[in-house]
N, C-alpha and C. Protein backbone atom coordinates (compact mmCIF):
# COMPACT_ATOMS: atom_id res chain seq x y z
N MET A 1 0.84 -1.19 0.00
CA MET A 1 0.00 0.00 0.00
C MET A 1 0.88 1.25 0.00
N THR A 2 0.74 2.06 -1.01
CA THR A 2 1.56 3.27 -1.12
C THR A 2 1.09 4.34 -0.15
N PRO A 3 1.92 5.34 0.15
CA PRO A 3 1.47 6.45 0.99
C PRO A 3 0.21 7.13 0.45
N SER A 4 0.12 7.25 -0.88
CA SER A 4 -1.07 7.85 -1.47
C SER A 4 -2.32 7.01 -1.18
N GLU A 5 -2.18 5.69 -1.30
CA GLU A 5 -3.31 4.81 -1.00
C GLU A 5 -3.63 4.84 0.48
N GLN A 6 -2.61 4.90 1.32
CA GLN A 6 -2.84 5.01 2.76
C GLN A 6 -3.65 6.26 3.07
N SER A 7 -3.29 7.37 2.43
CA SER A 7 -3.99 8.63 2.68
C SER A 7 -5.43 8.57 2.18
N GLN A 8 -5.64 7.93 1.03
CA GLN A 8 -7.01 7.80 0.52
C GLN A 8 -7.87 7.02 1.51
N ASN A 9 -7.32 5.94 2.04
CA ASN A 9 -8.06 5.13 3.02
C ASN A 9 -8.27 5.91 4.32
N ALA A 10 -7.24 6.63 4.75
CA ALA A 10 -7.35 7.42 5.98
C ALA A 10 -8.41 8.51 5.83
N LEU A 11 -8.46 9.14 4.65
CA LEU A 11 -9.46 10.19 4.43
C LEU A 11 -10.87 9.62 4.48
N ALA A 12 -11.05 8.44 3.90
CA ALA A 12 -12.37 7.80 3.95
C ALA A 12 -12.80 7.55 5.39
N LEU A 13 -11.86 7.15 6.24
CA LEU A 13 -12.18 6.94 7.66
C LEU A 13 -12.51 8.27 8.34
N CYS A 14 -11.72 9.29 8.03
CA CYS A 14 -11.95 10.60 8.64
C CYS A 14 -13.30 11.19 8.25
N ARG A 15 -13.79 10.82 7.08
CA ARG A 15 -15.07 11.35 6.60
C ARG A 15 -16.27 10.64 7.25
N MET A 16 -16.02 9.56 7.98
CA MET A 16 -17.13 8.79 8.53
C MET A 16 -17.84 9.51 9.68
N ALA A 17 -17.12 10.36 10.39
CA ALA A 17 -17.71 11.11 11.51
C ALA A 17 -16.82 12.32 11.78
N PRO A 18 -17.37 13.38 12.38
CA PRO A 18 -16.56 14.57 12.63
C PRO A 18 -15.53 14.39 13.73
N VAL A 19 -15.67 13.36 14.55
CA VAL A 19 -14.75 13.14 15.67
C VAL A 19 -14.29 11.70 15.70
N ILE A 20 -12.98 11.51 15.85
CA ILE A 20 -12.41 10.20 16.13
C ILE A 20 -12.05 10.17 17.61
N PRO A 21 -12.71 9.34 18.41
CA PRO A 21 -12.35 9.25 19.82
C PRO A 21 -10.92 8.75 20.00
N VAL A 22 -10.17 9.43 20.84
CA VAL A 22 -8.81 9.02 21.18
C VAL A 22 -8.89 8.39 22.57
N LEU A 23 -8.67 7.09 22.64
CA LEU A 23 -9.02 6.31 23.83
C LEU A 23 -7.79 5.77 24.55
N VAL A 24 -7.76 5.99 25.84
CA VAL A 24 -6.74 5.40 26.72
C VAL A 24 -7.47 4.40 27.60
N ILE A 25 -7.31 3.11 27.32
CA ILE A 25 -8.05 2.07 28.02
C ILE A 25 -7.15 1.39 29.03
N GLU A 26 -7.49 1.53 30.30
CA GLU A 26 -6.67 0.99 31.39
C GLU A 26 -7.19 -0.35 31.89
N ASP A 27 -8.43 -0.67 31.60
CA ASP A 27 -9.06 -1.91 32.07
C ASP A 27 -9.69 -2.59 30.87
N ILE A 28 -9.25 -3.80 30.56
CA ILE A 28 -9.75 -4.50 29.39
C ILE A 28 -11.26 -4.72 29.46
N ALA A 29 -11.82 -4.74 30.68
CA ALA A 29 -13.26 -4.91 30.82
C ALA A 29 -14.05 -3.73 30.25
N HIS A 30 -13.38 -2.60 30.07
CA HIS A 30 -14.05 -1.42 29.52
C HIS A 30 -14.13 -1.45 28.00
N ALA A 31 -13.30 -2.24 27.35
CA ALA A 31 -13.14 -2.16 25.90
C ALA A 31 -14.45 -2.39 25.15
N LEU A 32 -15.11 -3.49 25.43
CA LEU A 32 -16.31 -3.85 24.67
C LEU A 32 -17.44 -2.86 24.89
N PRO A 33 -17.83 -2.57 26.16
CA PRO A 33 -18.94 -1.62 26.34
C PRO A 33 -18.60 -0.21 25.86
N LEU A 34 -17.33 0.16 25.92
CA LEU A 34 -16.93 1.48 25.44
C LEU A 34 -17.13 1.58 23.93
N ALA A 35 -16.67 0.57 23.21
CA ALA A 35 -16.85 0.58 21.75
C ALA A 35 -18.33 0.58 21.39
N GLN A 36 -19.11 -0.20 22.09
CA GLN A 36 -20.55 -0.26 21.82
C GLN A 36 -21.21 1.09 22.07
N ALA A 37 -20.80 1.75 23.14
CA ALA A 37 -21.38 3.05 23.49
C ALA A 37 -21.04 4.10 22.45
N LEU A 38 -19.81 4.12 21.99
CA LEU A 38 -19.38 5.12 21.02
C LEU A 38 -20.03 4.90 19.66
N VAL A 39 -20.09 3.64 19.23
CA VAL A 39 -20.73 3.34 17.96
C VAL A 39 -22.22 3.68 18.02
N ALA A 40 -22.85 3.38 19.14
CA ALA A 40 -24.27 3.70 19.30
C ALA A 40 -24.51 5.21 19.22
N GLY A 41 -23.51 5.99 19.63
CA GLY A 41 -23.64 7.44 19.57
C GLY A 41 -23.26 8.03 18.23
N GLY A 42 -22.86 7.20 17.28
CA GLY A 42 -22.56 7.69 15.94
C GLY A 42 -21.10 7.92 15.64
N LEU A 43 -20.20 7.40 16.48
CA LEU A 43 -18.76 7.53 16.25
C LEU A 43 -18.17 6.14 16.01
N PRO A 44 -18.07 5.70 14.77
CA PRO A 44 -17.62 4.33 14.49
C PRO A 44 -16.11 4.16 14.43
N VAL A 45 -15.37 5.23 14.15
CA VAL A 45 -13.92 5.11 14.00
C VAL A 45 -13.26 5.40 15.34
N LEU A 46 -12.55 4.43 15.88
CA LEU A 46 -12.03 4.49 17.24
C LEU A 46 -10.52 4.32 17.24
N GLU A 47 -9.82 5.23 17.89
CA GLU A 47 -8.36 5.15 18.01
C GLU A 47 -7.99 4.73 19.43
N VAL A 48 -7.44 3.55 19.58
CA VAL A 48 -6.99 3.06 20.88
C VAL A 48 -5.49 3.32 20.98
N THR A 49 -5.11 4.18 21.89
CA THR A 49 -3.69 4.52 22.01
C THR A 49 -2.91 3.39 22.68
N LEU A 50 -1.71 3.16 22.16
CA LEU A 50 -0.87 2.09 22.71
C LEU A 50 -0.07 2.61 23.90
N ARG A 51 -0.79 3.08 24.90
CA ARG A 51 -0.16 3.66 26.09
C ARG A 51 -0.37 2.83 27.34
N THR A 52 -1.14 1.76 27.22
CA THR A 52 -1.44 0.92 28.37
C THR A 52 -1.13 -0.53 28.05
N ASP A 53 -1.00 -1.32 29.09
CA ASP A 53 -0.65 -2.73 28.91
C ASP A 53 -1.74 -3.52 28.18
N CYS A 54 -2.98 -3.08 28.30
CA CYS A 54 -4.07 -3.85 27.70
C CYS A 54 -4.53 -3.28 26.36
N ALA A 55 -3.79 -2.32 25.81
CA ALA A 55 -4.24 -1.65 24.59
C ALA A 55 -4.44 -2.61 23.42
N LEU A 56 -3.50 -3.50 23.20
CA LEU A 56 -3.62 -4.43 22.08
C LEU A 56 -4.79 -5.39 22.27
N ASP A 57 -4.98 -5.86 23.50
CA ASP A 57 -6.13 -6.72 23.78
C ASP A 57 -7.43 -5.94 23.58
N ALA A 58 -7.41 -4.67 23.92
CA ALA A 58 -8.60 -3.83 23.74
C ALA A 58 -8.93 -3.69 22.26
N ILE A 59 -7.92 -3.49 21.44
CA ILE A 59 -8.14 -3.40 19.99
C ILE A 59 -8.78 -4.68 19.48
N ALA A 60 -8.25 -5.81 19.91
CA ALA A 60 -8.79 -7.09 19.47
C ALA A 60 -10.24 -7.26 19.88
N ALA A 61 -10.57 -6.86 21.10
CA ALA A 61 -11.95 -6.99 21.59
C ALA A 61 -12.89 -6.04 20.86
N MET A 62 -12.46 -4.80 20.68
CA MET A 62 -13.32 -3.79 20.07
C MET A 62 -13.51 -4.02 18.58
N ALA A 63 -12.54 -4.68 17.96
CA ALA A 63 -12.64 -4.95 16.52
C ALA A 63 -13.84 -5.84 16.18
N GLY A 64 -14.32 -6.57 17.17
CA GLY A 64 -15.47 -7.44 16.94
C GLY A 64 -16.81 -6.77 17.11
N VAL A 65 -16.83 -5.50 17.49
CA VAL A 65 -18.09 -4.78 17.68
C VAL A 65 -18.65 -4.37 16.32
N ASP A 66 -19.89 -4.70 16.09
CA ASP A 66 -20.53 -4.40 14.82
C ASP A 66 -20.52 -2.89 14.56
N GLY A 67 -19.99 -2.51 13.41
CA GLY A 67 -19.96 -1.10 13.03
C GLY A 67 -18.71 -0.36 13.44
N ALA A 68 -17.86 -0.97 14.26
CA ALA A 68 -16.65 -0.30 14.74
C ALA A 68 -15.50 -0.47 13.76
N VAL A 69 -14.75 0.60 13.56
CA VAL A 69 -13.51 0.57 12.78
C VAL A 69 -12.40 0.99 13.75
N VAL A 70 -11.63 0.03 14.19
CA VAL A 70 -10.70 0.26 15.30
C VAL A 70 -9.27 0.37 14.78
N GLY A 71 -8.57 1.39 15.25
CA GLY A 71 -7.18 1.57 14.88
C GLY A 71 -6.30 1.75 16.10
N ALA A 72 -5.01 1.78 15.86
CA ALA A 72 -4.03 1.94 16.93
C ALA A 72 -3.43 3.34 16.88
N GLY A 73 -3.38 3.98 18.03
CA GLY A 73 -2.76 5.29 18.13
C GLY A 73 -1.46 5.22 18.90
N THR A 74 -0.70 6.30 18.83
CA THR A 74 0.61 6.38 19.48
C THR A 74 1.52 5.24 19.02
N VAL A 75 1.49 4.96 17.73
CA VAL A 75 2.37 3.95 17.15
C VAL A 75 3.73 4.59 16.91
N LEU A 76 4.75 4.05 17.59
CA LEU A 76 6.06 4.70 17.60
C LEU A 76 7.15 3.94 16.85
N ASP A 77 6.91 2.66 16.54
CA ASP A 77 7.97 1.89 15.88
C ASP A 77 7.37 0.72 15.11
N ALA A 78 8.25 0.00 14.42
CA ALA A 78 7.80 -1.10 13.58
C ALA A 78 7.19 -2.24 14.39
N GLN A 79 7.73 -2.48 15.58
CA GLN A 79 7.20 -3.56 16.42
C GLN A 79 5.76 -3.28 16.83
N GLN A 80 5.47 -2.04 17.19
CA GLN A 80 4.11 -1.69 17.55
C GLN A 80 3.18 -1.77 16.35
N MET A 81 3.67 -1.38 15.17
CA MET A 81 2.85 -1.44 13.96
C MET A 81 2.47 -2.90 13.67
N GLU A 82 3.44 -3.78 13.77
CA GLU A 82 3.17 -5.20 13.52
C GLU A 82 2.20 -5.77 14.55
N ALA A 83 2.42 -5.41 15.83
CA ALA A 83 1.54 -5.92 16.89
C ALA A 83 0.12 -5.40 16.70
N ALA A 84 -0.02 -4.14 16.30
CA ALA A 84 -1.34 -3.57 16.07
C ALA A 84 -2.06 -4.28 14.93
N ALA A 85 -1.31 -4.58 13.87
CA ALA A 85 -1.90 -5.30 12.74
C ALA A 85 -2.38 -6.68 13.17
N ARG A 86 -1.56 -7.37 13.98
CA ARG A 86 -1.95 -8.70 14.47
C ARG A 86 -3.19 -8.63 15.34
N ALA A 87 -3.34 -7.55 16.08
CA ALA A 87 -4.49 -7.40 16.98
C ALA A 87 -5.77 -7.07 16.24
N GLY A 88 -5.65 -6.70 14.96
CA GLY A 88 -6.83 -6.40 14.18
C GLY A 88 -7.05 -4.93 13.89
N ALA A 89 -6.06 -4.09 14.17
CA ALA A 89 -6.19 -2.67 13.87
C ALA A 89 -6.35 -2.46 12.37
N ARG A 90 -7.21 -1.54 12.00
CA ARG A 90 -7.47 -1.27 10.59
C ARG A 90 -6.83 0.03 10.12
N PHE A 91 -6.23 0.75 11.03
CA PHE A 91 -5.45 1.93 10.66
C PHE A 91 -4.51 2.23 11.82
N ALA A 92 -3.52 3.08 11.55
CA ALA A 92 -2.56 3.45 12.58
C ALA A 92 -2.38 4.96 12.59
N VAL A 93 -2.13 5.49 13.78
CA VAL A 93 -1.91 6.92 13.97
C VAL A 93 -0.62 7.09 14.75
N SER A 94 0.22 8.02 14.30
CA SER A 94 1.48 8.28 14.99
C SER A 94 1.59 9.75 15.32
N PRO A 95 2.20 10.10 16.46
CA PRO A 95 2.36 11.51 16.80
C PRO A 95 3.35 12.23 15.89
N GLY A 96 4.19 11.46 15.20
CA GLY A 96 5.15 12.02 14.27
C GLY A 96 5.27 11.12 13.06
N ALA A 97 6.45 11.14 12.43
CA ALA A 97 6.65 10.30 11.26
C ALA A 97 8.14 10.02 11.09
N THR A 98 8.53 8.80 11.39
CA THR A 98 9.92 8.40 11.19
C THR A 98 9.99 7.44 10.01
N PRO A 99 11.16 7.29 9.40
CA PRO A 99 11.29 6.33 8.29
C PRO A 99 10.86 4.92 8.71
N ALA A 100 11.16 4.52 9.94
CA ALA A 100 10.81 3.17 10.39
C ALA A 100 9.31 2.99 10.47
N VAL A 101 8.60 3.98 11.00
CA VAL A 101 7.14 3.89 11.12
C VAL A 101 6.50 3.88 9.73
N ILE A 102 6.98 4.74 8.86
CA ILE A 102 6.43 4.81 7.51
C ILE A 102 6.67 3.49 6.76
N ASP A 103 7.85 2.94 6.88
CA ASP A 103 8.16 1.68 6.22
C ASP A 103 7.32 0.54 6.78
N ALA A 104 7.12 0.54 8.11
CA ALA A 104 6.32 -0.51 8.73
C ALA A 104 4.87 -0.46 8.27
N ALA A 105 4.34 0.73 8.10
CA ALA A 105 2.97 0.86 7.61
C ALA A 105 2.84 0.29 6.20
N ARG A 106 3.87 0.51 5.39
CA ARG A 106 3.86 -0.05 4.04
C ARG A 106 3.91 -1.58 4.08
N VAL A 107 4.79 -2.12 4.92
CA VAL A 107 4.94 -3.57 5.03
C VAL A 107 3.64 -4.21 5.52
N GLN A 108 3.00 -3.59 6.49
CA GLN A 108 1.77 -4.14 7.07
C GLN A 108 0.52 -3.78 6.26
N GLU A 109 0.72 -2.98 5.19
CA GLU A 109 -0.41 -2.50 4.38
C GLU A 109 -1.46 -1.83 5.27
N MET A 110 -0.97 -0.97 6.15
CA MET A 110 -1.80 -0.30 7.14
C MET A 110 -1.98 1.17 6.77
N PRO A 111 -3.21 1.64 6.62
CA PRO A 111 -3.41 3.07 6.44
C PRO A 111 -2.81 3.83 7.62
N LEU A 112 -1.99 4.83 7.33
CA LEU A 112 -1.28 5.56 8.37
C LEU A 112 -1.66 7.02 8.35
N LEU A 113 -1.93 7.55 9.54
CA LEU A 113 -2.14 8.98 9.73
C LEU A 113 -0.91 9.50 10.46
N PRO A 114 0.09 9.99 9.71
CA PRO A 114 1.34 10.43 10.34
C PRO A 114 1.21 11.84 10.90
N GLY A 115 1.91 12.09 11.99
CA GLY A 115 1.81 13.38 12.64
C GLY A 115 2.79 14.40 12.11
N ALA A 116 2.35 15.67 12.06
CA ALA A 116 3.20 16.78 11.66
C ALA A 116 2.73 18.03 12.39
N GLN A 117 3.65 18.99 12.56
CA GLN A 117 3.25 20.23 13.20
C GLN A 117 3.84 21.47 12.56
N THR A 118 4.84 21.32 11.70
CA THR A 118 5.43 22.47 11.01
C THR A 118 5.24 22.33 9.51
N CYS A 119 5.39 23.44 8.79
CA CYS A 119 5.28 23.39 7.34
C CYS A 119 6.32 22.45 6.73
N SER A 120 7.53 22.45 7.30
CA SER A 120 8.57 21.56 6.77
C SER A 120 8.18 20.10 6.95
N GLU A 121 7.63 19.76 8.11
CA GLU A 121 7.20 18.37 8.33
C GLU A 121 6.05 18.00 7.41
N VAL A 122 5.11 18.92 7.26
CA VAL A 122 3.97 18.67 6.36
C VAL A 122 4.46 18.47 4.93
N MET A 123 5.39 19.32 4.48
CA MET A 123 5.92 19.22 3.12
C MET A 123 6.71 17.93 2.90
N THR A 124 7.47 17.52 3.92
CA THR A 124 8.24 16.28 3.81
C THR A 124 7.32 15.08 3.63
N LEU A 125 6.23 15.05 4.39
CA LEU A 125 5.27 13.96 4.25
C LEU A 125 4.54 14.05 2.92
N LEU A 126 4.23 15.26 2.49
CA LEU A 126 3.54 15.44 1.22
C LEU A 126 4.40 14.94 0.06
N GLU A 127 5.70 15.18 0.12
CA GLU A 127 6.61 14.70 -0.92
C GLU A 127 6.57 13.18 -1.04
N GLN A 128 6.27 12.50 0.07
CA GLN A 128 6.21 11.04 0.06
C GLN A 128 4.84 10.52 -0.35
N GLY A 129 3.87 11.42 -0.48
CA GLY A 129 2.54 11.01 -0.91
C GLY A 129 1.47 11.09 0.15
N TYR A 130 1.82 11.56 1.36
CA TYR A 130 0.83 11.65 2.44
C TYR A 130 0.08 12.96 2.35
N THR A 131 -1.09 12.90 1.77
CA THR A 131 -1.93 14.09 1.63
C THR A 131 -2.91 14.25 2.80
N VAL A 132 -2.96 13.26 3.68
CA VAL A 132 -3.80 13.33 4.88
C VAL A 132 -2.89 13.08 6.08
N GLN A 133 -2.89 14.03 7.02
CA GLN A 133 -1.94 13.98 8.12
C GLN A 133 -2.63 14.35 9.44
N LYS A 134 -1.97 13.99 10.50
CA LYS A 134 -2.41 14.38 11.85
C LYS A 134 -1.67 15.66 12.24
N PHE A 135 -2.40 16.64 12.75
CA PHE A 135 -1.80 17.87 13.25
C PHE A 135 -1.77 17.76 14.77
N PHE A 136 -0.56 17.62 15.32
CA PHE A 136 -0.43 17.28 16.75
C PHE A 136 0.82 17.92 17.34
N PRO A 137 0.74 18.38 18.60
CA PRO A 137 -0.43 18.53 19.48
C PRO A 137 -1.14 19.85 19.19
N ALA A 138 -2.31 19.78 18.64
CA ALA A 138 -2.98 20.91 17.99
C ALA A 138 -3.05 22.18 18.85
N GLU A 139 -3.62 22.07 20.03
CA GLU A 139 -3.81 23.29 20.83
C GLU A 139 -2.49 23.88 21.31
N SER A 140 -1.51 23.03 21.55
CA SER A 140 -0.22 23.51 22.06
C SER A 140 0.61 24.23 21.00
N ILE A 141 0.30 24.03 19.74
CA ILE A 141 1.12 24.61 18.67
C ILE A 141 0.34 25.63 17.84
N GLY A 142 -0.65 26.23 18.45
CA GLY A 142 -1.32 27.34 17.79
C GLY A 142 -2.78 27.13 17.47
N GLY A 143 -3.27 25.92 17.67
CA GLY A 143 -4.69 25.67 17.50
C GLY A 143 -5.21 25.85 16.09
N ALA A 144 -6.50 26.16 15.99
CA ALA A 144 -7.16 26.27 14.70
C ALA A 144 -6.57 27.39 13.84
N SER A 145 -6.14 28.47 14.47
CA SER A 145 -5.58 29.58 13.69
C SER A 145 -4.28 29.16 13.00
N ALA A 146 -3.45 28.37 13.70
CA ALA A 146 -2.21 27.88 13.08
C ALA A 146 -2.51 26.95 11.92
N LEU A 147 -3.49 26.09 12.09
CA LEU A 147 -3.83 25.14 11.02
C LEU A 147 -4.43 25.87 9.82
N LYS A 148 -5.19 26.93 10.09
CA LYS A 148 -5.72 27.75 9.01
C LYS A 148 -4.58 28.38 8.21
N SER A 149 -3.56 28.85 8.92
CA SER A 149 -2.42 29.48 8.26
C SER A 149 -1.65 28.48 7.39
N ILE A 150 -1.49 27.25 7.90
CA ILE A 150 -0.81 26.22 7.12
C ILE A 150 -1.59 25.91 5.84
N GLY A 151 -2.90 26.01 5.92
CA GLY A 151 -3.74 25.73 4.76
C GLY A 151 -3.56 26.72 3.63
N GLY A 152 -3.01 27.90 3.93
CA GLY A 152 -2.79 28.89 2.88
C GLY A 152 -1.81 28.40 1.83
N PRO A 153 -0.55 28.10 2.21
CA PRO A 153 0.43 27.63 1.23
C PRO A 153 0.31 26.14 0.91
N LEU A 154 -0.41 25.38 1.75
CA LEU A 154 -0.48 23.92 1.56
C LEU A 154 -1.94 23.44 1.56
N PRO A 155 -2.76 23.96 0.65
CA PRO A 155 -4.18 23.61 0.66
C PRO A 155 -4.47 22.16 0.27
N GLN A 156 -3.48 21.48 -0.33
CA GLN A 156 -3.70 20.12 -0.79
C GLN A 156 -3.59 19.08 0.32
N VAL A 157 -3.21 19.50 1.53
CA VAL A 157 -3.08 18.57 2.65
C VAL A 157 -4.30 18.70 3.56
N ILE A 158 -4.89 17.57 3.89
CA ILE A 158 -6.05 17.51 4.78
C ILE A 158 -5.59 16.96 6.13
N PHE A 159 -6.14 17.50 7.21
CA PHE A 159 -5.67 17.16 8.54
C PHE A 159 -6.76 16.59 9.44
N CYS A 160 -6.29 15.79 10.40
CA CYS A 160 -7.06 15.41 11.58
C CYS A 160 -6.31 15.99 12.77
N PRO A 161 -6.68 17.19 13.22
CA PRO A 161 -6.00 17.76 14.38
C PRO A 161 -6.38 17.04 15.67
N THR A 162 -5.40 16.85 16.51
CA THR A 162 -5.59 16.12 17.78
C THR A 162 -4.68 16.74 18.83
N GLY A 163 -5.16 16.73 20.07
CA GLY A 163 -4.34 17.21 21.18
C GLY A 163 -4.93 18.45 21.82
N GLY A 164 -5.59 18.27 22.95
CA GLY A 164 -6.15 19.40 23.68
C GLY A 164 -7.46 19.92 23.14
N ILE A 165 -8.06 19.21 22.19
CA ILE A 165 -9.32 19.68 21.58
C ILE A 165 -10.50 19.22 22.43
N SER A 166 -11.37 20.14 22.73
CA SER A 166 -12.56 19.88 23.53
C SER A 166 -13.81 20.02 22.67
N ALA A 167 -14.95 19.72 23.26
CA ALA A 167 -16.21 19.88 22.54
C ALA A 167 -16.42 21.34 22.15
N ALA A 168 -15.97 22.26 22.99
CA ALA A 168 -16.13 23.68 22.70
C ALA A 168 -15.21 24.15 21.59
N LEU A 169 -14.02 23.55 21.50
CA LEU A 169 -13.03 23.98 20.50
C LEU A 169 -13.19 23.28 19.16
N ALA A 170 -13.79 22.11 19.16
CA ALA A 170 -13.88 21.32 17.93
C ALA A 170 -14.48 22.08 16.75
N PRO A 171 -15.56 22.86 16.94
CA PRO A 171 -16.14 23.56 15.79
C PRO A 171 -15.17 24.52 15.10
N ASP A 172 -14.24 25.11 15.86
CA ASP A 172 -13.26 26.01 15.26
C ASP A 172 -12.40 25.29 14.23
N TYR A 173 -12.09 24.04 14.50
CA TYR A 173 -11.31 23.23 13.57
C TYR A 173 -12.16 22.71 12.41
N LEU A 174 -13.35 22.22 12.75
CA LEU A 174 -14.18 21.55 11.75
C LEU A 174 -14.67 22.49 10.65
N ARG A 175 -14.68 23.79 10.92
CA ARG A 175 -15.11 24.72 9.89
C ARG A 175 -13.99 25.05 8.89
N LEU A 176 -12.77 24.59 9.16
CA LEU A 176 -11.65 24.85 8.26
C LEU A 176 -11.72 23.92 7.05
N PRO A 177 -11.42 24.41 5.86
CA PRO A 177 -11.50 23.56 4.67
C PRO A 177 -10.44 22.47 4.62
N ASN A 178 -9.36 22.62 5.40
CA ASN A 178 -8.30 21.60 5.38
C ASN A 178 -8.41 20.63 6.56
N VAL A 179 -9.58 20.54 7.17
CA VAL A 179 -9.82 19.61 8.28
C VAL A 179 -10.93 18.64 7.90
N ALA A 180 -10.63 17.34 8.00
CA ALA A 180 -11.63 16.31 7.71
C ALA A 180 -12.40 15.91 8.96
N CYS A 181 -11.70 15.88 10.09
CA CYS A 181 -12.30 15.52 11.36
C CYS A 181 -11.31 15.92 12.45
N VAL A 182 -11.70 15.76 13.70
CA VAL A 182 -10.79 16.02 14.81
C VAL A 182 -10.69 14.76 15.66
N GLY A 183 -9.57 14.65 16.37
CA GLY A 183 -9.42 13.58 17.35
C GLY A 183 -9.63 14.17 18.73
N GLY A 184 -10.37 13.45 19.57
CA GLY A 184 -10.63 13.99 20.90
C GLY A 184 -10.91 12.93 21.93
N SER A 185 -10.49 13.19 23.14
CA SER A 185 -10.72 12.24 24.24
C SER A 185 -11.92 12.61 25.09
N TRP A 186 -12.52 13.79 24.85
CA TRP A 186 -13.60 14.24 25.72
C TRP A 186 -14.84 13.35 25.63
N VAL A 187 -14.97 12.58 24.54
CA VAL A 187 -16.16 11.74 24.39
C VAL A 187 -16.12 10.49 25.25
N ALA A 188 -14.96 10.20 25.84
CA ALA A 188 -14.83 9.02 26.71
C ALA A 188 -14.07 9.41 27.98
N PRO A 189 -14.68 10.23 28.83
CA PRO A 189 -13.98 10.67 30.04
C PRO A 189 -13.68 9.51 30.98
N ARG A 190 -12.56 9.61 31.64
CA ARG A 190 -12.08 8.53 32.50
C ARG A 190 -13.08 8.21 33.61
N ASP A 191 -13.67 9.24 34.21
CA ASP A 191 -14.59 8.97 35.32
C ASP A 191 -15.82 8.21 34.86
N ALA A 192 -16.28 8.49 33.65
CA ALA A 192 -17.44 7.76 33.13
C ALA A 192 -17.08 6.30 32.88
N MET A 193 -15.87 6.05 32.36
CA MET A 193 -15.46 4.67 32.15
C MET A 193 -15.31 3.92 33.46
N LEU A 194 -14.68 4.57 34.45
CA LEU A 194 -14.50 3.92 35.74
C LEU A 194 -15.83 3.63 36.41
N GLY A 195 -16.80 4.51 36.18
CA GLY A 195 -18.12 4.32 36.79
C GLY A 195 -19.05 3.46 35.96
N GLY A 196 -18.60 3.06 34.78
CA GLY A 196 -19.45 2.24 33.93
C GLY A 196 -20.65 2.98 33.39
N ASP A 197 -20.53 4.28 33.25
CA ASP A 197 -21.65 5.10 32.76
C ASP A 197 -21.59 5.16 31.24
N TRP A 198 -21.93 4.08 30.60
CA TRP A 198 -21.83 3.99 29.15
C TRP A 198 -22.87 4.84 28.46
N GLN A 199 -24.01 5.05 29.11
CA GLN A 199 -25.04 5.90 28.51
C GLN A 199 -24.54 7.34 28.39
N ALA A 200 -23.80 7.79 29.41
CA ALA A 200 -23.25 9.15 29.34
C ALA A 200 -22.28 9.27 28.17
N ILE A 201 -21.50 8.23 27.94
CA ILE A 201 -20.55 8.24 26.81
C ILE A 201 -21.30 8.23 25.49
N THR A 202 -22.37 7.47 25.41
CA THR A 202 -23.18 7.47 24.19
C THR A 202 -23.74 8.85 23.91
N GLU A 203 -24.19 9.55 24.95
CA GLU A 203 -24.73 10.90 24.77
C GLU A 203 -23.64 11.87 24.31
N LEU A 204 -22.45 11.75 24.87
CA LEU A 204 -21.34 12.60 24.43
C LEU A 204 -20.99 12.31 22.97
N ALA A 205 -21.00 11.03 22.62
CA ALA A 205 -20.71 10.65 21.24
C ALA A 205 -21.78 11.17 20.30
N ARG A 206 -23.03 11.11 20.73
CA ARG A 206 -24.13 11.57 19.88
C ARG A 206 -23.99 13.07 19.61
N ALA A 207 -23.63 13.82 20.63
CA ALA A 207 -23.43 15.26 20.45
C ALA A 207 -22.24 15.52 19.52
N ALA A 208 -21.18 14.75 19.68
CA ALA A 208 -19.99 14.93 18.84
C ALA A 208 -20.28 14.57 17.39
N SER A 209 -21.06 13.52 17.18
CA SER A 209 -21.36 13.07 15.82
C SER A 209 -22.24 14.08 15.07
N ALA A 210 -22.89 14.96 15.82
CA ALA A 210 -23.78 15.95 15.21
C ALA A 210 -23.08 17.28 14.92
N LEU A 211 -21.81 17.38 15.25
CA LEU A 211 -21.08 18.62 15.00
C LEU A 211 -21.01 18.90 13.50
N PRO A 212 -21.30 20.12 13.08
CA PRO A 212 -21.25 20.44 11.65
C PRO A 212 -19.82 20.55 11.14
N ARG A 213 -19.65 20.27 9.87
CA ARG A 213 -18.34 20.43 9.22
C ARG A 213 -18.54 20.71 7.75
């Protein structure tokens, strides 16, 4: 799968809903009901970050939920890319883009959303064929105004901004022509997961899925 094909597939996923939940799952028992709650609320594309010991098991469990498209986030090296593919991940997200990660995505035929934050990084990825990229950490590096500015000289690149985005801030990004969707963790708050309040998560997802873009 070429970088161009990876980007085409990534864009199709980004178009499925205005928000991709960015999930940190600490208890494998949360994986199944969490995926069900988010899908029920209209958010089918789910990014499980590889930051916890049970993340890969969570991907495997959530991949079986009807309507869910589960991917791996915080993919930092080839070993994680391979493990994510084995677990059933259908796409990968990285906070940056190294030659090893890019090569691993090609080997695994995994759609990759590589991270960038400067014009030089965006241009370097664009030269390789990545027309769809992650803008990270969005709020820390200038927010929606910075991404709007990048869109001036580089209108051919579409972004999924992630990092510090809340329900209140999401519309600022979604109205930009170079944004396909946003990544956000607010739709699955930790206290709701710990309390098993899946209905609350469904309601948050429903509100997020209704955001205009």
